[in-house]
C-alpha cells in the first residue's frame, strides 16, 4: 500500500511542480492526499487477522453444515472481507457467537466463511 501511495504522490508532485504561483496550495493538496492515503492504508491493515487454532474450516456459507472449501491455520493470515450473522457457534471459550467473517486465506488464497470464534 505504501508503494501505491508513494507513486500517487510522486505523480501529483510531477504534475504540479511546473506550475508557478500555486505552490502553497498544491503543497497543502498533496499533504491532504498523503494523509488520506495513509488513513486508507491503516484501515486496510485493520481488516486483517489470523486463525487462532489449527484446522479452521473455510465454508461456502456462514453455517457449520455448509461445504468446506479449505482449511486455515495460525500464520496463514486472512483478509477480512465482510461480516455477517450466521449459525450460532460455541467458541472454544464456551461463549456462543453468531458472527461470521468472509475471509481470504492469504497463504492458500482460498475464500470462505469462518466463525469469529476462530479469528
Protein backbone atom coordinates (compact mmCIF):
# COMPACT_ATOMS: atom_id res chain seq x y z
CA UNK A 1 0.00 0.00 0.00
CA UNK A 2 2.91 2.34 0.70
CA UNK A 3 4.20 1.81 -2.84
CA UNK A 4 0.85 2.88 -4.29
CA UNK A 5 0.73 5.91 -2.03
CA UNK A 6 4.27 6.94 -2.99
CA UNK A 7 3.51 6.52 -6.70
CA UNK A 8 0.38 8.66 -6.43
CA UNK A 9 2.23 11.37 -4.50
CA UNK A 10 5.11 11.34 -6.99
CA UNK A 11 2.67 11.66 -9.87
CA UNK A 12 0.86 14.57 -8.23
CA UNK A 13 4.11 16.35 -7.48
CA UNK A 14 5.32 15.84 -11.06
CA UNK A 15 2.09 17.35 -12.37
CA UNK A 16 2.04 20.43 -10.18
CA UNK A 17 5.71 21.40 -9.83
CA UNK A 18 5.86 23.15 -13.21
CA UNK A 19 3.01 25.48 -12.18
CA UNK A 20 4.15 28.78 -10.68
CA UNK A 21 2.28 30.77 -8.06
CA UNK A 22 0.25 27.92 -6.66
CA UNK A 23 2.98 26.14 -4.72
CA UNK A 24 1.46 26.59 -1.25
CA UNK A 25 -2.00 25.44 -2.40
CA UNK A 26 -0.50 22.49 -4.18
CA UNK A 27 1.65 21.58 -1.20
CA UNK A 28 -1.44 21.61 1.00
CA UNK A 29 -3.35 19.49 -1.51
CA UNK A 30 -0.52 16.94 -1.77
CA UNK A 31 -0.26 16.82 2.02
CA UNK A 32 -4.02 16.16 2.34
CA UNK A 33 -3.86 13.40 -0.29
CA UNK A 34 -0.94 11.78 1.55
CA UNK A 35 -2.84 11.93 4.83
CA UNK A 36 -5.94 10.34 3.31
CA UNK A 37 -3.91 7.58 1.64
CA UNK A 38 -2.19 6.90 4.95
CA UNK A 39 -5.58 6.57 6.67
CA UNK A 40 -6.79 4.17 3.98
CA UNK A 41 -3.64 2.10 4.34
CA UNK A 42 -4.15 1.90 8.12
CA UNK A 43 -7.82 0.93 7.67
CA UNK A 44 -6.82 -1.85 5.27
CA UNK A 45 -4.30 -3.18 7.80
CA UNK A 46 -7.02 -3.31 10.45
CA UNK A 47 -9.10 -5.56 8.17
CA UNK A 48 -6.59 -8.37 8.54
CA UNK A 49 -6.39 -11.18 11.04
CA UNK A 50 -5.21 -14.72 11.62
CA UNK A 51 -6.58 -18.07 12.71
CA UNK A 52 -6.47 -18.76 16.46
CA UNK A 53 -6.29 -22.56 16.17
CA UNK A 54 -5.14 -25.05 13.52
CA UNK A 55 -7.57 -26.72 11.13
CA UNK A 56 -10.21 -23.96 10.85
CA UNK A 57 -12.75 -24.76 8.12
CA UNK A 58 -13.44 -22.11 5.47
CA UNK A 59 -17.05 -22.69 4.43
CA UNK A 60 -19.24 -21.72 1.47
CA UNK A 61 -21.85 -20.05 3.72
CA UNK A 62 -21.90 -18.92 7.38
CA UNK A 63 -23.04 -22.29 8.68
CA UNK A 64 -21.32 -25.38 10.09
CA UNK A 65 -23.37 -27.56 7.75
CA UNK A 66 -22.03 -25.73 4.70
CA UNK A 67 -19.46 -27.19 2.29
CA UNK A 68 -15.83 -26.86 3.42
CA UNK A 69 -13.78 -25.01 0.77
CA UNK A 70 -10.45 -25.10 2.56
CA UNK A 71 -8.67 -25.17 5.90
CA UNK A 72 -6.79 -22.36 7.64
CA UNK A 73 -4.05 -22.46 10.24
CA UNK A 74 -2.30 -19.94 12.51
CA UNK A 75 0.26 -18.00 10.50
CA UNK A 76 -1.73 -18.12 7.26
CA UNK A 77 -3.14 -14.61 7.86
CA UNK A 78 -6.52 -13.63 6.44
CA UNK A 79 -8.07 -10.62 4.79
CA UNK A 80 -11.45 -9.88 6.38
CA UNK A 81 -13.91 -9.01 3.60
CA UNK A 82 -17.25 -8.72 5.36
CA UNK A 83 -19.10 -9.72 8.49
CA UNK A 84 -22.49 -11.44 8.70
CA UNK A 85 -24.79 -13.04 11.23
CA UNK A 86 -24.96 -16.79 10.71
CA UNK A 87 -25.35 -20.01 12.64
CA UNK A 88 -24.54 -19.64 16.33
CA UNK A 89 -21.32 -21.44 17.24
CA UNK A 90 -20.00 -22.31 20.69
CA UNK A 91 -16.47 -20.90 20.85
CA UNK A 92 -13.57 -22.77 22.47
CA UNK A 93 -14.04 -20.42 25.44
CA UNK A 94 -17.61 -21.73 25.85
CA UNK A 95 -19.21 -18.46 24.76
CA UNK A 96 -21.81 -18.53 21.98
CA UNK A 97 -21.22 -16.37 18.89
CA UNK A 98 -23.21 -15.99 15.67
CA UNK A 99 -20.74 -13.64 13.95
CA UNK A 100 -19.07 -14.99 10.82
CA UNK A 101 -16.43 -13.39 8.60
CA UNK A 102 -15.98 -13.87 4.90
CA UNK A 103 -12.21 -14.13 4.56
CA UNK A 104 -9.44 -14.90 2.11
CA UNK A 105 -6.62 -17.07 3.42
CA UNK A 106 -3.50 -15.20 2.29
CA UNK A 107 -1.35 -18.33 2.12
CA UNK A 108 -3.72 -20.61 0.19
CA UNK A 109 -5.83 -17.87 -1.49
CA UNK A 110 -8.99 -19.80 -0.54
CA UNK A 111 -12.02 -17.62 0.22
CA UNK A 112 -14.76 -18.72 2.61
CA UNK A 113 -16.74 -18.06 5.76
CA UNK A 114 -15.23 -18.56 9.22
CA UNK A 115 -16.85 -18.21 12.63
CA UNK A 116 -15.47 -15.20 14.52
CA UNK A 117 -14.63 -17.65 17.32
CA UNK A 118 -11.63 -18.83 15.33
CA UNK A 119 -10.20 -15.48 14.19
